[in-house]
């Protein structure tokens, strides 16, 4: 195979994204996108591997295969692609849950998940920060259990505007098994998550409205409004 120049590879990836997103003459052409991403992936390009994995996962322009998609994501992760590292960690978490409890196989999958989440978290990938923190909180994947450090990581993801992290913390404060039950904090985090676009948090928000006084609810809503004013959503960090 002829070695392509970095400029050629970047052009293939950019054109592939244009066909994938429909930003090239308003036309979505997944087969053309697949062809271009495949060319980039064959040259070992991390973004090409990631996008080829995405098309394979979605079954667009090619046969749908989650197994093949995650193999491509893992190849991209090995090359330092941040979102692929997070997705590879997620896949290992999923595989861990399919193994018998307390088994060596489950623990190994947890260790792999922790490894990939840590790599992505170190580059400020917010989902990875959340899930690595969650593993610290619970002491999974060979990580010593440290509730203080785990909560701090999840709070970091919240500060970076991750709506899932807001919902996770809200759920923990609502449930009270991992951290002390605190309906006011639960309401705050779930309301933040809802206002940040996570509609799944709305059920918890409604549940908690009966557990707080009118004055408490108003105070929390004012806090959330102020927080959102002072924390604009950050720009997406690069994938390298």
Foldseek 3Di string as FASTA:
>chain_A
DDADDPVQLVVLQVVLVCLCVCVPVNHNAQLSSLVSLVVSVVNVHLSSLLVNLVCLCVVGSHDNDPVSSLVSLVSSVVVQFQVSLQVNLVVLQVVLVVDPPPDPSNQQSQLSSLVSLVSNVVVVPLSSLLVNLVCLLVVGNVRPNDNVSSLVSLVVSVLLVDLVSLQVVLVCLCVCPSHHNDLLSSLLSLVLSVVSPDVVSVVVNVVSVVVDDPVSNVVSVVVSVVSCVVRPNDDDDGRD
